[in-house]
Amino acid sequence: TNQSTSQCACCNLTKQNNKYNTEVPVLQCHGLADPLVPHRWGQATHEIIKSFNSKAQFKSYSGMGHSSCAEEMEDVRVFLVNLLTDS
């Protein structure tokens, strides 16, 4: 079914803003070839999160479907290492 952006659960995130979820590092990854969740939905979700959390990152992966790839796993590894060494 098609849902408008106003009906998606992620849109309620802005109503739940507080000092804790506005500073949480977020890495959102999405395959450009995802047949289940359109890439534009991932981008839209990122824009909502980014509107209240400047630490949100969004990465897209060419040829990746609704799965993972080596490039994504390396990005996750780097994200976590940076997160753990910055604290």
PDB file of N, CA and C in Angstrom:
ATOM      1  N   THR A   1       0.836  -1.183   0.000  1.00  0.00           N
ATOM      2  CA  THR A   1       0.000   0.000   0.000  1.00  0.00           C
ATOM      3  C   THR A   1       0.877   1.241   0.000  1.00  0.00           C
ATOM      4  N   ASN A   2       0.369   2.296  -0.569  1.00  0.00           N
ATOM      5  CA  ASN A   2       1.093   3.562  -0.570  1.00  0.00           C
ATOM      6  C   ASN A   2       0.650   4.397   0.612  1.00  0.00           C
ATOM      7  N   GLN A   3       1.625   4.849   1.367  1.00  0.00           N
ATOM      8  CA  GLN A   3       1.325   5.735   2.485  1.00  0.00           C
ATOM      9  C   GLN A   3       1.914   7.092   2.178  1.00  0.00           C
ATOM     10  N   SER A   4       1.196   8.127   2.505  1.00  0.00           N
ATOM     11  CA  SER A   4       1.785   9.448   2.358  1.00  0.00           C
ATOM     12  C   SER A   4       2.772   9.652   3.491  1.00  0.00           C
ATOM     13  N   THR A   5       3.685  10.580   3.281  1.00  0.00           N
ATOM     14  CA  THR A   5       4.706  10.848   4.291  1.00  0.00           C
ATOM     15  C   THR A   5       4.079  11.223   5.623  1.00  0.00           C
ATOM     16  N   SER A   6       2.933  11.900   5.590  1.00  0.00           N
ATOM     17  CA  SER A   6       2.304  12.326   6.838  1.00  0.00           C
ATOM     18  C   SER A   6       1.787  11.153   7.661  1.00  0.00           C
ATOM     19  N   GLN A   7       1.645   9.981   7.053  1.00  0.00           N
ATOM     20  CA  GLN A   7       1.128   8.819   7.769  1.00  0.00           C
ATOM     21  C   GLN A   7       2.217   7.895   8.285  1.00  0.00           C
ATOM     22  N   CYS A   8       3.453   8.117   7.892  1.00  0.00           N
ATOM     23  CA  CYS A   8       4.505   7.178   8.282  1.00  0.00           C
ATOM     24  C   CYS A   8       4.896   7.374   9.743  1.00  0.00           C
ATOM     25  N   ALA A   9       5.286   6.284  10.369  1.00  0.00           N
ATOM     26  CA  ALA A   9       5.634   6.315  11.791  1.00  0.00           C
ATOM     27  C   ALA A   9       6.803   7.232  12.072  1.00  0.00           C
ATOM     28  N   CYS A  10       7.745   7.315  11.139  1.00  0.00           N
ATOM     29  CA  CYS A  10       8.930   8.140  11.389  1.00  0.00           C
ATOM     30  C   CYS A  10       8.584   9.616  11.505  1.00  0.00           C
ATOM     31  N   CYS A  11       7.484  10.042  10.925  1.00  0.00           N
ATOM     32  CA  CYS A  11       7.106  11.449  10.989  1.00  0.00           C
ATOM     33  C   CYS A  11       6.759  11.873  12.405  1.00  0.00           C
ATOM     34  N   ASN A  12       6.398  10.928  13.245  1.00  0.00           N
ATOM     35  CA  ASN A  12       6.091  11.244  14.631  1.00  0.00           C
ATOM     36  C   ASN A  12       7.344  11.492  15.456  1.00  0.00           C
ATOM     37  N   LEU A  13       8.513  11.204  14.897  1.00  0.00           N
ATOM     38  CA  LEU A  13       9.760  11.415  15.629  1.00  0.00           C
ATOM     39  C   LEU A  13       9.946  12.870  16.027  1.00  0.00           C
ATOM     40  N   THR A  14       9.567  13.782  15.159  1.00  0.00           N
ATOM     41  CA  THR A  14       9.772  15.190  15.473  1.00  0.00           C
ATOM     42  C   THR A  14       8.950  15.614  16.682  1.00  0.00           C
ATOM     43  N   LYS A  15       7.872  14.928  16.951  1.00  0.00           N
ATOM     44  CA  LYS A  15       7.055  15.238  18.123  1.00  0.00           C
ATOM     45  C   LYS A  15       7.707  14.731  19.403  1.00  0.00           C
ATOM     46  N   GLN A  16       8.665  13.819  19.254  1.00  0.00           N
ATOM     47  CA  GLN A  16       9.304  13.213  20.414  1.00  0.00           C
ATOM     48  C   GLN A  16      10.707  13.772  20.650  1.00  0.00           C
ATOM     49  N   ASN A  17      11.029  14.886  20.016  1.00  0.00           N
ATOM     50  CA  ASN A  17      12.358  15.473  20.190  1.00  0.00           C
ATOM     51  C   ASN A  17      12.628  15.774  21.650  1.00  0.00           C
ATOM     52  N   ASN A  18      13.829  15.509  22.043  1.00  0.00           N
ATOM     53  CA  ASN A  18      14.313  15.956  23.333  1.00  0.00           C
ATOM     54  C   ASN A  18      15.821  16.030  23.233  1.00  0.00           C
ATOM     55  N   LYS A  19      16.472  16.485  24.278  1.00  0.00           N
ATOM     56  CA  LYS A  19      17.921  16.686  24.204  1.00  0.00           C
ATOM     57  C   LYS A  19      18.678  15.387  23.994  1.00  0.00           C
ATOM     58  N   TYR A  20      18.047  14.251  24.251  1.00  0.00           N
ATOM     59  CA  TYR A  20      18.733  12.976  24.105  1.00  0.00           C
ATOM     60  C   TYR A  20      18.744  12.491  22.657  1.00  0.00           C
ATOM     61  N   ASN A  21      17.616  12.547  21.978  1.00  0.00           N
ATOM     62  CA  ASN A  21      17.608  12.011  20.615  1.00  0.00           C
ATOM     63  C   ASN A  21      18.034  13.025  19.563  1.00  0.00           C
ATOM     64  N   THR A  22      18.389  14.233  19.960  1.00  0.00           N
ATOM     65  CA  THR A  22      18.877  15.213  18.993  1.00  0.00           C
ATOM     66  C   THR A  22      20.387  15.164  18.841  1.00  0.00           C
ATOM     67  N   GLU A  23      21.062  14.402  19.680  1.00  0.00           N
ATOM     68  CA  GLU A  23      22.520  14.339  19.631  1.00  0.00           C
ATOM     69  C   GLU A  23      23.039  12.908  19.473  1.00  0.00           C
ATOM     70  N   VAL A  24      22.176  11.985  19.159  1.00  0.00           N
ATOM     71  CA  VAL A  24      22.579  10.592  18.995  1.00  0.00           C
ATOM     72  C   VAL A  24      23.140  10.404  17.585  1.00  0.00           C
ATOM     73  N   PRO A  25      24.372   9.920  17.458  1.00  0.00           N
ATOM     74  CA  PRO A  25      24.904   9.658  16.119  1.00  0.00           C
ATOM     75  C   PRO A  25      24.073   8.575  15.424  1.00  0.00           C
ATOM     76  N   VAL A  26      23.695   8.847  14.188  1.00  0.00           N
ATOM     77  CA  VAL A  26      22.864   7.925  13.418  1.00  0.00           C
ATOM     78  C   VAL A  26      23.526   7.681  12.068  1.00  0.00           C
ATOM     79  N   LEU A  27      23.658   6.423  11.698  1.00  0.00           N
ATOM     80  CA  LEU A  27      24.106   6.065  10.354  1.00  0.00           C
ATOM     81  C   LEU A  27      22.982   5.272   9.709  1.00  0.00           C
ATOM     82  N   GLN A  28      22.407   5.828   8.680  1.00  0.00           N
ATOM     83  CA  GLN A  28      21.328   5.167   7.950  1.00  0.00           C
ATOM     84  C   GLN A  28      21.878   4.775   6.582  1.00  0.00           C
ATOM     85  N   CYS A  29      21.762   3.505   6.245  1.00  0.00           N
ATOM     86  CA  CYS A  29      22.287   2.980   4.984  1.00  0.00           C
ATOM     87  C   CYS A  29      21.140   2.451   4.130  1.00  0.00           C
ATOM     88  N   HIS A  30      21.253   2.666   2.813  1.00  0.00           N
ATOM     89  CA  HIS A  30      20.163   2.234   1.936  1.00  0.00           C
ATOM     90  C   HIS A  30      20.704   1.845   0.567  1.00  0.00           C
ATOM     91  N   GLY A  31      20.223   0.733   0.062  1.00  0.00           N
ATOM     92  CA  GLY A  31      20.600   0.287  -1.279  1.00  0.00           C
ATOM     93  C   GLY A  31      19.801   1.007  -2.347  1.00  0.00           C
ATOM     94  N   LEU A  32      20.483   1.416  -3.392  1.00  0.00           N
ATOM     95  CA  LEU A  32      19.805   2.089  -4.501  1.00  0.00           C
ATOM     96  C   LEU A  32      18.918   1.130  -5.296  1.00  0.00           C
ATOM     97  N   ALA A  33      19.165  -0.166  -5.155  1.00  0.00           N
ATOM     98  CA  ALA A  33      18.381  -1.167  -5.882  1.00  0.00           C
ATOM     99  C   ALA A  33      17.424  -1.931  -4.962  1.00  0.00           C
ATOM    100  N   ASP A  34      17.058  -1.330  -3.853  1.00  0.00           N
ATOM    101  CA  ASP A  34      16.163  -1.988  -2.892  1.00  0.00           C
ATOM    102  C   ASP A  34      14.762  -2.120  -3.493  1.00  0.00           C
ATOM    103  N   PRO A  35      14.273  -3.361  -3.701  1.00  0.00           N
ATOM    104  CA  PRO A  35      12.946  -3.545  -4.280  1.00  0.00           C
ATOM    105  C   PRO A  35      11.817  -3.475  -3.244  1.00  0.00           C
ATOM    106  N   LEU A  36      12.148  -3.500  -1.961  1.00  0.00           N
ATOM    107  CA  LEU A  36      11.121  -3.508  -0.911  1.00  0.00           C
ATOM    108  C   LEU A  36      10.850  -2.128  -0.332  1.00  0.00           C
ATOM    109  N   VAL A  37      11.907  -1.391  -0.058  1.00  0.00           N
ATOM    110  CA  VAL A  37      11.771  -0.047   0.512  1.00  0.00           C
ATOM    111  C   VAL A  37      12.395   0.925  -0.485  1.00  0.00           C
ATOM    112  N   PRO A  38      11.592   1.717  -1.163  1.00  0.00           N
ATOM    113  CA  PRO A  38      12.144   2.636  -2.152  1.00  0.00           C
ATOM    114  C   PRO A  38      13.201   3.570  -1.543  1.00  0.00           C
ATOM    115  N   HIS A  39      14.240   3.813  -2.315  1.00  0.00           N
ATOM    116  CA  HIS A  39      15.330   4.673  -1.856  1.00  0.00           C
ATOM    117  C   HIS A  39      14.794   6.038  -1.422  1.00  0.00           C
ATOM    118  N   ARG A  40      13.818   6.558  -2.119  1.00  0.00           N
ATOM    119  CA  ARG A  40      13.273   7.885  -1.775  1.00  0.00           C
ATOM    120  C   ARG A  40      12.659   7.884  -0.374  1.00  0.00           C
ATOM    121  N   TRP A  41      12.139   6.737   0.082  1.00  0.00           N
ATOM    122  CA  TRP A  41      11.607   6.655   1.444  1.00  0.00           C
ATOM    123  C   TRP A  41      12.745   6.754   2.452  1.00  0.00           C
ATOM    124  N   GLY A  42      13.852   6.102   2.154  1.00  0.00           N
ATOM    125  CA  GLY A  42      15.025   6.216   3.019  1.00  0.00           C
ATOM    126  C   GLY A  42      15.510   7.649   3.095  1.00  0.00           C
ATOM    127  N   GLN A  43      15.557   8.308   1.944  1.00  0.00           N
ATOM    128  CA  GLN A  43      15.976   9.707   1.915  1.00  0.00           C
ATOM    129  C   GLN A  43      15.003  10.591   2.693  1.00  0.00           C
ATOM    130  N   ALA A  44      13.721  10.331   2.539  1.00  0.00           N
ATOM    131  CA  ALA A  44      12.713  11.129   3.248  1.00  0.00           C
ATOM    132  C   ALA A  44      12.841  10.940   4.759  1.00  0.00           C
ATOM    133  N   THR A  45      13.065   9.708   5.181  1.00  0.00           N
ATOM    134  CA  THR A  45      13.261   9.439   6.606  1.00  0.00           C
ATOM    135  C   THR A  45      14.486  10.175   7.118  1.00  0.00           C
ATOM    136  N   HIS A  46      15.553  10.141   6.332  1.00  0.00           N
ATOM    137  CA  HIS A  46      16.776  10.839   6.729  1.00  0.00           C
ATOM    138  C   HIS A  46      16.529  12.340   6.881  1.00  0.00           C
ATOM    139  N   GLU A  47      15.800  12.928   5.964  1.00  0.00           N
ATOM    140  CA  GLU A  47      15.524  14.369   6.042  1.00  0.00           C
ATOM    141  C   GLU A  47      14.746  14.710   7.311  1.00  0.00           C
ATOM    142  N   ILE A  48      13.831  13.851   7.694  1.00  0.00           N
ATOM    143  CA  ILE A  48      13.079  14.081   8.932  1.00  0.00           C
ATOM    144  C   ILE A  48      14.008  14.003  10.133  1.00  0.00           C
ATOM    145  N   ILE A  49      14.816  12.956  10.189  1.00  0.00           N
ATOM    146  CA  ILE A  49      15.750  12.805  11.315  1.00  0.00           C
ATOM    147  C   ILE A  49      16.740  13.959  11.334  1.00  0.00           C
ATOM    148  N   LYS A  50      17.274  14.314  10.173  1.00  0.00           N
ATOM    149  CA  LYS A  50      18.268  15.389  10.073  1.00  0.00           C
ATOM    150  C   LYS A  50      17.679  16.733  10.516  1.00  0.00           C
ATOM    151  N   SER A  51      16.373  16.900  10.408  1.00  0.00           N
ATOM    152  CA  SER A  51      15.745  18.165  10.792  1.00  0.00           C
ATOM    153  C   SER A  51      15.870  18.448  12.285  1.00  0.00           C
ATOM    154  N   PHE A  52      16.111  17.398  13.091  1.00  0.00           N
ATOM    155  CA  PHE A  52      16.297  17.621  14.525  1.00  0.00           C
ATOM    156  C   PHE A  52      17.565  16.977  15.067  1.00  0.00           C
ATOM    157  N   ASN A  53      18.325  16.311  14.211  1.00  0.00           N
ATOM    158  CA  ASN A  53      19.552  15.658  14.668  1.00  0.00           C
ATOM    159  C   ASN A  53      20.653  15.892  13.639  1.00  0.00           C
ATOM    160  N   SER A  54      21.548  16.816  13.935  1.00  0.00           N
ATOM    161  CA  SER A  54      22.612  17.166  12.992  1.00  0.00           C
ATOM    162  C   SER A  54      23.651  16.066  12.840  1.00  0.00           C
ATOM    163  N   LYS A  55      23.612  15.055  13.704  1.00  0.00           N
ATOM    164  CA  LYS A  55      24.590  13.969  13.634  1.00  0.00           C
ATOM    165  C   LYS A  55      24.130  12.808  12.746  1.00  0.00           C
ATOM    166  N   ALA A  56      22.996  12.954  12.121  1.00  0.00           N
ATOM    167  CA  ALA A  56      22.483  11.891  11.254  1.00  0.00           C
ATOM    168  C   ALA A  56      23.241  11.870   9.930  1.00  0.00           C
ATOM    169  N   GLN A  57      23.606  10.671   9.503  1.00  0.00           N
ATOM    170  CA  GLN A  57      24.281  10.464   8.221  1.00  0.00           C
ATOM    171  C   GLN A  57      23.458   9.502   7.377  1.00  0.00           C
ATOM    172  N   PHE A  58      23.502   9.696   6.073  1.00  0.00           N
ATOM    173  CA  PHE A  58      22.793   8.817   5.145  1.00  0.00           C
ATOM    174  C   PHE A  58      23.758   8.386   4.062  1.00  0.00           C
ATOM    175  N   LYS A  59      23.847   7.092   3.830  1.00  0.00           N
ATOM    176  CA  LYS A  59      24.733   6.561   2.788  1.00  0.00           C
ATOM    177  C   LYS A  59      23.929   5.655   1.870  1.00  0.00           C
ATOM    178  N   SER A  60      24.169   5.813   0.580  1.00  0.00           N
ATOM    179  CA  SER A  60      23.512   5.002  -0.443  1.00  0.00           C
ATOM    180  C   SER A  60      24.539   4.096  -1.099  1.00  0.00           C
ATOM    181  N   TYR A  61      24.071   2.925  -1.546  1.00  0.00           N
ATOM    182  CA  TYR A  61      24.967   1.932  -2.134  1.00  0.00           C
ATOM    183  C   TYR A  61      24.429   1.457  -3.477  1.00  0.00           C
ATOM    184  N   SER A  62      25.201   1.731  -4.499  1.00  0.00           N
ATOM    185  CA  SER A  62      24.846   1.348  -5.859  1.00  0.00           C
ATOM    186  C   SER A  62      24.772  -0.171  -5.986  1.00  0.00           C
ATOM    187  N   GLY A  63      23.711  -0.657  -6.607  1.00  0.00           N
ATOM    188  CA  GLY A  63      23.562  -2.084  -6.853  1.00  0.00           C
ATOM    189  C   GLY A  63      23.090  -2.900  -5.664  1.00  0.00           C
ATOM    190  N   MET A  64      23.003  -2.296  -4.497  1.00  0.00           N
ATOM    191  CA  MET A  64      22.581  -3.037  -3.305  1.00  0.00           C
ATOM    192  C   MET A  64      21.060  -3.016  -3.199  1.00  0.00           C
ATOM    193  N   GLY A  65      20.487  -4.187  -2.965  1.00  0.00           N
ATOM    194  CA  GLY A  65      19.049  -4.298  -2.780  1.00  0.00           C
ATOM    195  C   GLY A  65      18.693  -4.170  -1.310  1.00  0.00           C
ATOM    196  N   HIS A  66      17.739  -4.972  -0.867  1.00  0.00           N
ATOM    197  CA  HIS A  66      17.304  -4.968   0.531  1.00  0.00           C
ATOM    198  C   HIS A  66      18.186  -5.967   1.281  1.00  0.00           C
ATOM    199  N   SER A  67      19.453  -5.618   1.392  1.00  0.00           N
ATOM    200  CA  SER A  67      20.457  -6.512   1.972  1.00  0.00           C
ATOM    201  C   SER A  67      21.620  -5.666   2.473  1.00  0.00           C
ATOM    202  N   SER A  68      22.807  -6.212   2.425  1.00  0.00           N
ATOM    203  CA  SER A  68      24.002  -5.451   2.783  1.00  0.00           C
ATOM    204  C   SER A  68      25.093  -5.773   1.772  1.00  0.00           C
ATOM    205  N   CYS A  69      26.168  -5.014   1.843  1.00  0.00           N
ATOM    206  CA  CYS A  69      27.302  -5.244   0.955  1.00  0.00           C
ATOM    207  C   CYS A  69      28.581  -4.922   1.724  1.00  0.00           C
ATOM    208  N   ALA A  70      29.711  -5.301   1.174  1.00  0.00           N
ATOM    209  CA  ALA A  70      30.996  -5.091   1.845  1.00  0.00           C
ATOM    210  C   ALA A  70      31.261  -3.610   2.105  1.00  0.00           C
ATOM    211  N   GLU A  71      30.923  -2.759   1.154  1.00  0.00           N
ATOM    212  CA  GLU A  71      31.135  -1.318   1.330  1.00  0.00           C
ATOM    213  C   GLU A  71      30.310  -0.784   2.504  1.00  0.00           C
ATOM    214  N   GLU A  72      29.079  -1.227   2.605  1.00  0.00           N
ATOM    215  CA  GLU A  72      28.224  -0.799   3.711  1.00  0.00           C
ATOM    216  C   GLU A  72      28.794  -1.275   5.049  1.00  0.00           C
ATOM    217  N   MET A  73      29.217  -2.524   5.104  1.00  0.00           N
ATOM    218  CA  MET A  73      29.764  -3.062   6.354  1.00  0.00           C
ATOM    219  C   MET A  73      31.037  -2.317   6.769  1.00  0.00           C
ATOM    220  N   GLU A  74      31.831  -1.902   5.802  1.00  0.00           N
ATOM    221  CA  GLU A  74      33.020  -1.100   6.117  1.00  0.00           C
ATOM    222  C   GLU A  74      32.606   0.268   6.659  1.00  0.00           C
ATOM    223  N   ASP A  75      31.587   0.874   6.072  1.00  0.00           N
ATOM    224  CA  ASP A  75      31.090   2.161   6.573  1.00  0.00           C
ATOM    225  C   ASP A  75      30.550   2.025   7.993  1.00  0.00           C
ATOM    226  N   VAL A  76      29.867   0.930   8.275  1.00  0.00           N
ATOM    227  CA  VAL A  76      29.355   0.678   9.630  1.00  0.00           C
ATOM    228  C   VAL A  76      30.522   0.499  10.598  1.00  0.00           C
ATOM    229  N   ARG A  77      31.533  -0.246  10.179  1.00  0.00           N
ATOM    230  CA  ARG A  77      32.709  -0.458  11.033  1.00  0.00           C
ATOM    231  C   ARG A  77      33.380   0.873  11.369  1.00  0.00           C
ATOM    232  N   VAL A  78      33.609   1.701  10.358  1.00  0.00           N
ATOM    233  CA  VAL A  78      34.247   3.004  10.570  1.00  0.00           C
ATOM    234  C   VAL A  78      33.380   3.880  11.472  1.00  0.00           C
ATOM    235  N   PHE A  79      32.074   3.878  11.241  1.00  0.00           N
ATOM    236  CA  PHE A  79      31.145   4.657  12.064  1.00  0.00           C
ATOM    237  C   PHE A  79      31.259   4.243  13.532  1.00  0.00           C
ATOM    238  N   LEU A  80      31.248   2.940  13.790  1.00  0.00           N
ATOM    239  CA  LEU A  80      31.316   2.449  15.173  1.00  0.00           C
ATOM    240  C   LEU A  80      32.676   2.719  15.812  1.00  0.00           C
ATOM    241  N   VAL A  81      33.744   2.518  15.074  1.00  0.00           N
ATOM    242  CA  VAL A  81      35.079   2.809  15.608  1.00  0.00           C
ATOM    243  C   VAL A  81      35.186   4.284  15.968  1.00  0.00           C
ATOM    244  N   ASN A  82      34.726   5.155  15.075  1.00  0.00           N
ATOM    245  CA  ASN A  82      34.760   6.594  15.365  1.00  0.00           C
ATOM    246  C   ASN A  82      33.898   6.939  16.569  1.00  0.00           C
ATOM    247  N   LEU A  83      32.759   6.321  16.660  1.00  0.00           N
ATOM    248  CA  LEU A  83      31.852   6.562  17.780  1.00  0.00           C
ATOM    249  C   LEU A  83      32.496   6.141  19.099  1.00  0.00           C
ATOM    250  N   LEU A  84      33.126   4.981  19.101  1.00  0.00           N
ATOM    251  CA  LEU A  84      33.731   4.460  20.330  1.00  0.00           C
ATOM    252  C   LEU A  84      35.010   5.194  20.714  1.00  0.00           C
ATOM    253  N   THR A  85      35.746   5.693  19.752  1.00  0.00           N
ATOM    254  CA  THR A  85      36.992   6.398  20.071  1.00  0.00           C
ATOM    255  C   THR A  85      36.763   7.869  20.375  1.00  0.00           C
ATOM    256  N   ASP A  86      35.612   8.416  19.976  1.00  0.00           N
ATOM    257  CA  ASP A  86      35.298   9.817  20.267  1.00  0.00           C
ATOM    258  C   ASP A  86      34.675  10.007  21.640  1.00  0.00           C
ATOM    259  N   SER A  87      34.264   8.923  22.275  1.00  0.00           N
ATOM    260  CA  SER A  87      33.562   9.070  23.559  1.00  0.00           C
ATOM    261  C   SER A  87      34.509   9.064  24.729  1.00  0.00           C
TER     262      SER A  87
END
